[in-house]
C-alpha atoms as a PDB file:
ATOM      1  CA  MET A   1     230.409 108.504-139.680  1.00  0.00           C
ATOM      2  CA  LYS A   2     229.524 111.037-136.747  1.00  0.00           C
ATOM      3  CA  LYS A   3     228.376 113.927-137.883  1.00  0.00           C
ATOM      4  CA  GLU A   4     230.654 116.146-135.386  1.00  0.00           C
ATOM      5  CA  PHE A   5     233.492 114.087-136.721  1.00  0.00           C
ATOM      6  CA  ALA A   6     232.687 114.388-140.643  1.00  0.00           C
ATOM      7  CA  GLU A   7     232.489 118.379-140.121  1.00  0.00           C
ATOM      8  CA  LEU A   8     235.584 118.650-138.390  1.00  0.00           C
ATOM      9  CA  PHE A   9     237.670 116.395-140.971  1.00  0.00           C
ATOM     10  CA  ALA A  10     236.336 118.643-144.128  1.00  0.00           C
ATOM     11  CA  ILE A  11     237.603 121.314-142.096  1.00  0.00           C
ATOM     12  CA  TYR A  12     241.381 119.456-141.710  1.00  0.00           C
ATOM     13  CA  ILE A  13     241.479 118.336-145.258  1.00  0.00           C
ATOM     14  CA  ILE A  14     240.909 121.879-146.710  1.00  0.00           C
ATOM     15  CA  ALA A  15     243.238 123.663-144.154  1.00  0.00           C
ATOM     16  CA  SER A  16     245.746 120.382-144.962  1.00  0.00           C
ATOM     17  CA  VAL A  17     245.696 120.655-148.730  1.00  0.00           C
ATOM     18  CA  PHE A  18     245.650 124.463-148.793  1.00  0.00           C
ATOM     19  CA  LEU A  19     248.799 123.867-146.699  1.00  0.00           C
ATOM     20  CA  TYR A  20     251.210 122.898-149.501  1.00  0.00           C
ATOM     21  CA  PHE A  21     249.821 125.511-152.086  1.00  0.00           C
ATOM     22  CA  PHE A  22     250.724 128.333-149.312  1.00  0.00           C
ATOM     23  CA  ALA A  23     254.334 126.788-148.245  1.00  0.00           C
ATOM     24  CA  LYS A  24     255.139 126.727-152.016  1.00  0.00           C
ATOM     25  CA  LEU A  25     254.317 130.452-152.673  1.00  0.00           C
ATOM     26  CA  GLY A  26     256.179 131.389-148.898  1.00  0.00           C
ATOM     27  CA  VAL A  27     259.257 129.585-150.593  1.00  0.00           C
ATOM     28  CA  THR A  28     259.517 131.806-153.706  1.00  0.00           C
ATOM     29  CA  TYR A  29     259.464 134.856-151.879  1.00  0.00           C
ATOM     30  CA  THR A  30     262.026 133.508-148.879  1.00  0.00           C
ATOM     31  CA  ASN A  31     264.317 130.494-148.269  1.00  0.00           C
ATOM     32  CA  PRO A  32     262.903 127.416-146.862  1.00  0.00           C
ATOM     33  CA  ALA A  33     264.531 127.812-143.214  1.00  0.00           C
ATOM     34  CA  THR A  34     263.086 131.548-142.543  1.00  0.00           C
ATOM     35  CA  LEU A  35     259.914 130.388-143.616  1.00  0.00           C
ATOM     36  CA  MET A  36     259.618 127.175-141.728  1.00  0.00           C
ATOM     37  CA  MET A  37     261.240 129.196-138.494  1.00  0.00           C
ATOM     38  CA  ILE A  38     258.406 132.031-138.247  1.00  0.00           C
ATOM     39  CA  ARG A  39     256.131 129.158-139.112  1.00  0.00           C
ATOM     40  CA  TYR A  40     257.258 127.536-136.256  1.00  0.00           C
ATOM     41  CA  ILE A  41     257.505 130.439-133.890  1.00  0.00           C
ATOM     42  CA  ILE A  42     253.997 131.504-134.421  1.00  0.00           C
ATOM     43  CA  SER A  43     252.952 127.817-134.048  1.00  0.00           C
ATOM     44  CA  GLY A  44     254.545 127.129-131.003  1.00  0.00           C
ATOM     45  CA  ILE A  45     253.398 130.513-129.231  1.00  0.00           C
ATOM     46  CA  ILE A  46     249.683 129.817-130.368  1.00  0.00           C
ATOM     47  CA  LEU A  47     249.982 126.582-128.393  1.00  0.00           C
ATOM     48  CA  PHE A  48     251.997 127.420-125.422  1.00  0.00           C
ATOM     49  CA  SER A  49     249.288 130.432-124.858  1.00  0.00           C
ATOM     50  CA  ILE A  50     247.086 127.200-124.382  1.00  0.00           C
ATOM     51  CA  SER A  51     249.215 125.068-122.600  1.00  0.00           C
ATOM     52  CA  ARG A  52     251.079 127.166-120.630  1.00  0.00           C
ATOM     53  CA  LYS A  53     253.686 124.884-119.906  1.00  0.00           C
ATOM     54  CA  LEU A  54     256.636 123.880-122.197  1.00  0.00           C
ATOM     55  CA  ILE A  55     258.536 120.180-121.874  1.00  0.00           C
ATOM     56  CA  ILE A  56     262.060 120.278-121.403  1.00  0.00           C
ATOM     57  CA  ASP A  57     263.734 116.691-121.308  1.00  0.00           C
ATOM     58  CA  LYS A  58     265.869 114.268-123.783  1.00  0.00           C
ATOM     59  CA  ASN A  59     263.024 112.997-125.363  1.00  0.00           C
ATOM     60  CA  VAL A  60     261.548 116.344-126.636  1.00  0.00           C
ATOM     61  CA  LEU A  61     264.275 117.540-127.953  1.00  0.00           C
ATOM     62  CA  ILE A  62     265.305 114.422-130.014  1.00  0.00           C
ATOM     63  CA  LEU A  63     261.371 114.554-131.468  1.00  0.00           C
ATOM     64  CA  ALA A  64     262.066 118.179-132.223  1.00  0.00           C
ATOM     65  CA  ILE A  65     265.208 117.245-134.092  1.00  0.00           C
ATOM     66  CA  PHE A  66     263.181 114.511-136.045  1.00  0.00           C
ATOM     67  CA  THR A  67     260.079 117.254-136.635  1.00  0.00           C
ATOM     68  CA  THR A  68     262.699 119.730-137.977  1.00  0.00           C
ATOM     69  CA  THR A  69     264.442 117.482-139.920  1.00  0.00           C
ATOM     70  CA  SER A  70     261.280 116.726-141.570  1.00  0.00           C
ATOM     71  CA  THR A  71     260.320 119.926-142.160  1.00  0.00           C
ATOM     72  CA  ILE A  72     263.189 121.585-143.536  1.00  0.00           C
ATOM     73  CA  PHE A  73     263.512 118.964-146.416  1.00  0.00           C
ATOM     74  CA  TRP A  74     260.067 119.671-147.025  1.00  0.00           C
ATOM     75  CA  GLY A  75     260.621 123.026-147.088  1.00  0.00           C
ATOM     76  CA  TYR A  76     263.595 122.457-149.537  1.00  0.00           C
ATOM     77  CA  GLY A  77     261.727 120.154-152.004  1.00  0.00           C
ATOM     78  CA  LEU A  78     259.038 122.759-152.144  1.00  0.00           C
ATOM     79  CA  LEU A  79     261.521 124.237-154.319  1.00  0.00           C
ATOM     80  CA  TYR A  80     261.245 121.881-156.600  1.00  0.00           C
ATOM     81  CA  VAL A  81     258.323 120.235-156.932  1.00  0.00           C
ATOM     82  CA  SER A  82     254.425 120.993-157.322  1.00  0.00           C
ATOM     83  CA  PRO A  83     251.851 121.002-154.131  1.00  0.00           C
ATOM     84  CA  ALA A  84     250.194 118.095-155.401  1.00  0.00           C
ATOM     85  CA  VAL A  85     253.596 115.930-156.137  1.00  0.00           C
ATOM     86  CA  SER A  86     254.863 117.373-152.466  1.00  0.00           C
ATOM     87  CA  SER A  87     251.455 116.192-150.645  1.00  0.00           C
ATOM     88  CA  VAL A  88     251.808 112.242-152.452  1.00  0.00           C
ATOM     89  CA  LEU A  89     255.289 112.057-151.640  1.00  0.00           C
ATOM     90  CA  SER A  90     254.809 113.202-148.387  1.00  0.00           C
ATOM     91  CA  TYR A  91     251.956 110.859-147.283  1.00  0.00           C
ATOM     92  CA  THR A  92     254.317 107.988-148.099  1.00  0.00           C
ATOM     93  CA  MET A  93     255.408 108.518-144.432  1.00  0.00           C
ATOM     94  CA  PRO A  94     253.235 105.154-143.341  1.00  0.00           C
ATOM     95  CA  LEU A  95     255.357 103.311-145.996  1.00  0.00           C
ATOM     96  CA  PHE A  96     258.653 104.108-144.320  1.00  0.00           C
ATOM     97  CA  SER A  97     257.139 103.790-140.441  1.00  0.00           C
ATOM     98  CA  MET A  98     256.401 100.308-140.937  1.00  0.00           C
ATOM     99  CA  ILE A  99     260.056  99.603-141.789  1.00  0.00           C
ATOM    100  CA  LEU A 100     261.618 101.770-139.554  1.00  0.00           C
ATOM    101  CA  ALA A 101     259.398 100.614-136.734  1.00  0.00           C
ATOM    102  CA  ILE A 102     260.787  96.852-137.073  1.00  0.00           C
ATOM    103  CA  PHE A 103     264.065  98.501-136.026  1.00  0.00           C
ATOM    104  CA  ILE A 104     263.271 100.740-133.586  1.00  0.00           C
ATOM    105  CA  ILE A 105     260.483  99.657-131.485  1.00  0.00           C
ATOM    106  CA  ASN A 106     260.984  96.085-132.619  1.00  0.00           C
ATOM    107  CA  GLU A 107     257.134  95.967-134.217  1.00  0.00           C
ATOM    108  CA  LYS A 108     257.157  92.864-136.619  1.00  0.00           C
ATOM    109  CA  PRO A 109     254.556  93.278-139.752  1.00  0.00           C
ATOM    110  CA  ASN A 110     252.067  90.843-140.269  1.00  0.00           C
ATOM    111  CA  HIS A 111     251.125  89.713-143.770  1.00  0.00           C
ATOM    112  CA  TYR A 112     248.752  92.417-144.707  1.00  0.00           C
ATOM    113  CA  GLU A 113     251.227  95.344-143.554  1.00  0.00           C
ATOM    114  CA  ILE A 114     253.851  93.534-145.660  1.00  0.00           C
ATOM    115  CA  ILE A 115     251.260  92.834-148.745  1.00  0.00           C
ATOM    116  CA  GLY A 116     250.634  96.430-148.272  1.00  0.00           C
ATOM    117  CA  LEU A 117     254.169  97.913-148.229  1.00  0.00           C
ATOM    118  CA  ILE A 118     255.014  95.987-151.476  1.00  0.00           C
ATOM    119  CA  ILE A 119     252.055  97.664-153.030  1.00  0.00           C
ATOM    120  CA  GLY A 120     252.647 100.789-151.595  1.00  0.00           C
ATOM    121  CA  PHE A 121     256.010 100.794-152.912  1.00  0.00           C
ATOM    122  CA  LEU A 122     255.277  99.896-156.128  1.00  0.00           C
ATOM    123  CA  GLY A 123     252.702 102.740-156.412  1.00  0.00           C
ATOM    124  CA  LEU A 124     255.496 105.259-155.223  1.00  0.00           C
ATOM    125  CA  GLY A 125     257.912 103.309-158.106  1.00  0.00           C
ATOM    126  CA  ILE A 126     255.190 104.465-160.618  1.00  0.00           C
ATOM    127  CA  TYR A 127     254.106 107.541-159.554  1.00  0.00           C
ATOM    128  CA  GLY A 128     258.090 108.538-159.489  1.00  0.00           C
ATOM    129  CA  SER A 129     258.984 107.074-162.828  1.00  0.00           C
ATOM    130  CA  THR A 130     257.928 110.226-164.305  1.00  0.00           C
ATOM    131  CA  LEU A 131     259.726 112.755-162.148  1.00  0.00           C
ATOM    132  CA  PHE A 132     262.955 111.366-161.896  1.00  0.00           C
ATOM    133  CA  LYS A 133     264.854 113.906-163.942  1.00  0.00           C
ATOM    134  CA  GLY A 134     266.173 117.146-163.693  1.00  0.00           C
ATOM    135  CA  PHE A 135     265.131 119.603-160.777  1.00  0.00           C
ATOM    136  CA  THR A 136     262.240 117.615-159.886  1.00  0.00           C
ATOM    137  CA  LYS A 137     264.745 114.347-158.729  1.00  0.00           C
ATOM    138  CA  ILE A 138     265.712 116.621-156.511  1.00  0.00           C
ATOM    139  CA  GLY A 139     262.703 117.655-154.906  1.00  0.00           C
ATOM    140  CA  MET A 140     261.294 114.246-155.330  1.00  0.00           C
ATOM    141  CA  ILE A 141     264.538 113.109-153.513  1.00  0.00           C
ATOM    142  CA  LEU A 142     263.938 115.712-150.580  1.00  0.00           C
ATOM    143  CA  THR A 143     260.749 115.084-150.240  1.00  0.00           C
ATOM    144  CA  LEU A 144     261.342 111.594-149.710  1.00  0.00           C
ATOM    145  CA  ILE A 145     263.552 112.372-147.247  1.00  0.00           C
ATOM    146  CA  ASN A 146     261.164 114.404-145.434  1.00  0.00           C
ATOM    147  CA  ALA A 147     258.530 111.407-145.389  1.00  0.00           C
ATOM    148  CA  VAL A 148     261.518 109.142-143.969  1.00  0.00           C
ATOM    149  CA  PHE A 149     261.861 111.831-140.837  1.00  0.00           C
ATOM    150  CA  TRP A 150     258.087 112.258-140.451  1.00  0.00           C
ATOM    151  CA  ALA A 151     257.603 107.979-139.987  1.00  0.00           C
ATOM    152  CA  LEU A 152     260.924 108.746-137.273  1.00  0.00           C
ATOM    153  CA  PHE A 153     258.756 111.551-135.373  1.00  0.00           C
ATOM    154  CA  SER A 154     255.623 109.482-135.716  1.00  0.00           C
ATOM    155  CA  ILE A 155     257.515 106.130-133.928  1.00  0.00           C
ATOM    156  CA  TYR A 156     258.863 108.513-131.054  1.00  0.00           C
ATOM    157  CA  TYR A 157     255.721 110.633-130.974  1.00  0.00           C
ATOM    158  CA  ARG A 158     254.369 107.010-130.049  1.00  0.00           C
ATOM    159  CA  LYS A 159     256.583 105.972-127.379  1.00  0.00           C
ATOM    160  CA  LEU A 160     255.626 109.918-125.431  1.00  0.00           C
ATOM    161  CA  SER A 161     252.209 109.080-125.510  1.00  0.00           C
ATOM    162  CA  LYS A 162     251.867 109.973-121.450  1.00  0.00           C
ATOM    163  CA  TYR A 163     252.983 113.851-122.428  1.00  0.00           C
ATOM    164  CA  ASP A 164     250.602 116.722-122.470  1.00  0.00           C
ATOM    165  CA  PRO A 165     250.141 116.410-126.592  1.00  0.00           C
ATOM    166  CA  ILE A 166     249.772 120.468-126.808  1.00  0.00           C
ATOM    167  CA  SER A 167     252.796 121.292-124.389  1.00  0.00           C
ATOM    168  CA  LEU A 168     254.936 119.148-126.176  1.00  0.00           C
ATOM    169  CA  ASN A 169     254.181 120.284-129.632  1.00  0.00           C
ATOM    170  CA  ALA A 170     254.781 123.689-128.351  1.00  0.00           C
ATOM    171  CA  THR A 171     257.713 122.622-127.089  1.00  0.00           C
ATOM    172  CA  GLN A 172     259.230 121.178-129.947  1.00  0.00           C
ATOM    173  CA  PHE A 173     258.095 123.689-132.288  1.00  0.00           C
ATOM    174  CA  ILE A 174     259.838 126.516-130.264  1.00  0.00           C
ATOM    175  CA  ILE A 175     262.830 124.080-130.129  1.00  0.00           C
ATOM    176  CA  GLY A 176     262.702 123.547-133.785  1.00  0.00           C
ATOM    177  CA  SER A 177     262.513 127.499-134.346  1.00  0.00           C
ATOM    178  CA  GLY A 178     265.883 127.868-133.101  1.00  0.00           C
ATOM    179  CA  PHE A 179     267.715 124.821-134.888  1.00  0.00           C
ATOM    180  CA  MET A 180     265.927 126.534-137.884  1.00  0.00           C
ATOM    181  CA  GLY A 181     267.639 129.719-137.266  1.00  0.00           C
ATOM    182  CA  LEU A 182     270.993 127.975-137.112  1.00  0.00           C
ATOM    183  CA  ILE A 183     270.561 126.990-140.918  1.00  0.00           C
ATOM    184  CA  ASP A 184     269.611 130.227-141.515  1.00  0.00           C
ATOM    185  CA  ILE A 185     272.688 131.701-140.398  1.00  0.00           C
ATOM    186  CA  PHE A 186     274.817 129.315-142.491  1.00  0.00           C
ATOM    187  CA  SER A 187     272.731 130.012-145.461  1.00  0.00           C
ATOM    188  CA  ILE A 188     273.095 133.648-145.441  1.00  0.00           C
ATOM    189  CA  ARG A 189     276.240 133.831-147.443  1.00  0.00           C
ATOM    190  CA  LYS A 190     274.578 131.081-149.700  1.00  0.00           C
ATOM    191  CA  GLY A 191     271.305 130.943-150.833  1.00  0.00           C
ATOM    192  CA  PHE A 192     269.604 133.431-148.585  1.00  0.00           C
ATOM    193  CA  TYR A 193     266.513 135.580-150.121  1.00  0.00           C
ATOM    194  CA  PHE A 194     263.965 137.583-147.940  1.00  0.00           C
ATOM    195  CA  ILE A 195     261.766 139.266-150.478  1.00  0.00           C
ATOM    196  CA  PRO A 196     258.913 141.463-148.471  1.00  0.00           C
ATOM    197  CA  SER A 197     255.523 141.133-149.555  1.00  0.00           C
ATOM    198  CA  LEU A 198     251.755 140.909-149.245  1.00  0.00           C
ATOM    199  CA  LYS A 199     251.944 137.018-150.646  1.00  0.00           C
ATOM    200  CA  LEU A 200     254.879 136.062-148.481  1.00  0.00           C
ATOM    201  CA  LEU A 201     252.619 137.936-145.512  1.00  0.00           C
ATOM    202  CA  GLU A 202     249.527 135.640-146.588  1.00  0.00           C
ATOM    203  CA  SER A 203     251.585 132.354-146.721  1.00  0.00           C
ATOM    204  CA  ILE A 204     252.993 132.891-143.583  1.00  0.00           C
ATOM    205  CA  VAL A 205     249.716 133.471-141.420  1.00  0.00           C
ATOM    206  CA  TYR A 206     248.374 130.451-143.261  1.00  0.00           C
ATOM    207  CA  ILE A 207     250.741 127.838-142.373  1.00  0.00           C
ATOM    208  CA  SER A 208     251.215 129.670-138.861  1.00  0.00           C
ATOM    209  CA  THR A 209     247.954 129.125-137.974  1.00  0.00           C
ATOM    210  CA  ILE A 210     244.998 127.427-140.356  1.00  0.00           C
ATOM    211  CA  GLY A 211     247.930 125.358-141.464  1.00  0.00           C
ATOM    212  CA  GLY A 212     250.462 124.957-137.874  1.00  0.00           C
ATOM    213  CA  ALA A 213     248.446 124.986-134.652  1.00  0.00           C
ATOM    214  CA  PHE A 214     245.025 125.085-135.523  1.00  0.00           C
ATOM    215  CA  GLN A 215     245.859 121.695-138.117  1.00  0.00           C
ATOM    216  CA  PHE A 216     247.219 120.294-134.761  1.00  0.00           C
ATOM    217  CA  LEU A 217     244.281 121.018-132.558  1.00  0.00           C
ATOM    218  CA  ILE A 218     241.785 119.490-135.022  1.00  0.00           C
ATOM    219  CA  TRP A 219     243.969 116.471-135.777  1.00  0.00           C
ATOM    220  CA  ASN A 220     244.482 115.796-131.770  1.00  0.00           C
ATOM    221  CA  TYR A 221     240.459 116.485-131.650  1.00  0.00           C
ATOM    222  CA  LEU A 222     239.507 113.864-134.619  1.00  0.00           C
ATOM    223  CA  LEU A 223     241.744 111.040-132.487  1.00  0.00           C
ATOM    224  CA  LYS A 224     239.432 111.576-129.554  1.00  0.00           C
ATOM    225  CA  LEU A 225     236.448 111.089-131.914  1.00  0.00           C
ATOM    226  CA  GLU A 226     237.603 107.891-133.992  1.00  0.00           C
ATOM    227  CA  ARG A 227     240.287 105.221-133.843  1.00  0.00           C
ATOM    228  CA  VAL A 228     243.825 106.016-134.870  1.00  0.00           C
ATOM    229  CA  ASN A 229     243.784 103.619-138.058  1.00  0.00           C
ATOM    230  CA  LYS A 230     240.595 105.470-139.235  1.00  0.00           C
ATOM    231  CA  VAL A 231     241.162 108.383-138.894  1.00  0.00           C
ATOM    232  CA  THR A 232     245.039 108.256-140.798  1.00  0.00           C
ATOM    233  CA  ILE A 233     243.177 106.317-143.921  1.00  0.00           C
ATOM    234  CA  PHE A 234     240.720 108.625-144.163  1.00  0.00           C
ATOM    235  CA  ALA A 235     244.184 111.794-143.955  1.00  0.00           C
ATOM    236  CA  TYR A 236     244.788 109.998-147.457  1.00  0.00           C
ATOM    237  CA  ILE A 237     242.233 111.860-149.327  1.00  0.00           C
ATOM    238  CA  ILE A 238     244.750 115.129-148.493  1.00  0.00           C
ATOM    239  CA  PRO A 239     247.053 113.934-151.243  1.00  0.00           C
ATOM    240  CA  VAL A 240     244.054 113.225-153.908  1.00  0.00           C
ATOM    241  CA  ALA A 241     242.443 116.282-152.673  1.00  0.00           C
ATOM    242  CA  THR A 242     245.949 118.218-153.405  1.00  0.00           C
ATOM    243  CA  THR A 243     246.076 117.092-156.975  1.00  0.00           C
ATOM    244  CA  ILE A 244     242.528 117.811-158.326  1.00  0.00           C
ATOM    245  CA  ILE A 245     242.785 121.311-156.881  1.00  0.00           C
ATOM    246  CA  GLN A 246     245.997 121.726-158.565  1.00  0.00           C
ATOM    247  CA  ALA A 247     244.781 120.643-161.805  1.00  0.00           C
ATOM    248  CA  LEU A 248     241.886 122.755-161.147  1.00  0.00           C
ATOM    249  CA  LEU A 249     244.181 125.957-160.086  1.00  0.00           C
ATOM    250  CA  TYR A 250     246.808 125.496-162.644  1.00  0.00           C
ATOM    251  CA  LYS A 251     244.757 123.775-165.736  1.00  0.00           C
ATOM    252  CA  SER A 252     246.438 121.234-165.989  1.00  0.00           C
ATOM    253  CA  LEU A 253     246.199 117.745-165.279  1.00  0.00           C
ATOM    254  CA  PRO A 254     248.497 114.865-163.898  1.00  0.00           C
ATOM    255  CA  LYS A 255     249.919 112.102-166.147  1.00  0.00           C
ATOM    256  CA  LEU A 256     248.491 108.970-166.385  1.00  0.00           C
ATOM    257  CA  PHE A 257     251.105 106.936-164.733  1.00  0.00           C
ATOM    258  CA  GLU A 258     251.333 109.470-161.769  1.00  0.00           C
ATOM    259  CA  ILE A 259     247.274 109.014-161.557  1.00  0.00           C
ATOM    260  CA  ILE A 260     248.215 104.973-161.562  1.00  0.00           C
ATOM    261  CA  GLY A 261     251.067 105.350-158.840  1.00  0.00           C
ATOM    262  CA  LEU A 262     249.112 107.368-156.708  1.00  0.00           C
ATOM    263  CA  LEU A 263     246.008 105.159-156.797  1.00  0.00           C
ATOM    264  CA  ILE A 264     248.328 101.807-156.282  1.00  0.00           C
ATOM    265  CA  MET A 265     250.412 103.497-153.384  1.00  0.00           C
ATOM    266  CA  ILE A 266     247.182 104.799-151.056  1.00  0.00           C
ATOM    267  CA  SER A 267     245.976 101.132-151.742  1.00  0.00           C
ATOM    268  CA  GLY A 268     249.076  99.660-150.586  1.00  0.00           C
ATOM    269  CA  VAL A 269     248.233 101.696-147.102  1.00  0.00           C
ATOM    270  CA  ILE A 270     244.922 101.262-146.886  1.00  0.00           C
ATOM    271  CA  ILE A 271     245.779  97.588-147.103  1.00  0.00           C
ATOM    272  CA  ALA A 272     248.325  97.652-144.333  1.00  0.00           C
ATOM    273  CA  ARG A 273     246.114  99.994-141.808  1.00  0.00           C
ATOM    274  CA  LEU A 274     242.839  98.637-142.409  1.00  0.00           C
ATOM    275  CA  LYS A 275     244.071  95.117-141.581  1.00  0.00           C
ATOM    276  CA  GLY A 276     247.447  95.900-139.652  1.00  0.00           C
END
């Protein structure tokens, strides 16, 4: 492994892991739509300051809808589940993308992908068996919907490979912030809350910069250094690391079934990605 790749990837992992903790912190002080709207505005401005260009067309609008929907469900899911659970469930995205790709871009899975898919969902079932109760069940469902829309975003993003990635994402972040604002308007009468505090400011700064625009720029640079499959597989360090960090911070060990389910789930994704 190249030294430059290893160093940058370590930074990316750290930025991504703590994104879940700072986002969880943020939704305790303001409703998810408000928090994510601010994140999108700041991230969009940062990326636009680099690209100096916005791309307005139907494809970008569709992409922005997928991204925004994914982010909204992720944010509301964080109201009910821990950062570790949110991370693990979010990273089921490749499992859903393999299924959706069959119908959207007529991409037929090979034998390894089918085996990986079955193993991955088996792991998800084991992991989720401990969560499917009470408010945690609501959070699990919301976060899995986030993973589905993240998968839709990933598939559609591939169709826009000729677009400049920084301009494309600057545009979708800015458009997405408008969608978030509309959701905020409808939530003013019910469920809206905003508690100004230093903790909220810390959350906004982190998820908009290190866990927002900066994270995106590193990811795109990593894709220039190594193959997409390799980078994607290594990214599965994130849910593992998030689970470990949460255990250390909260002094609460994950349940045995959660550990087994997580390992089986990641094994399924790796099988599908390595041989896909």
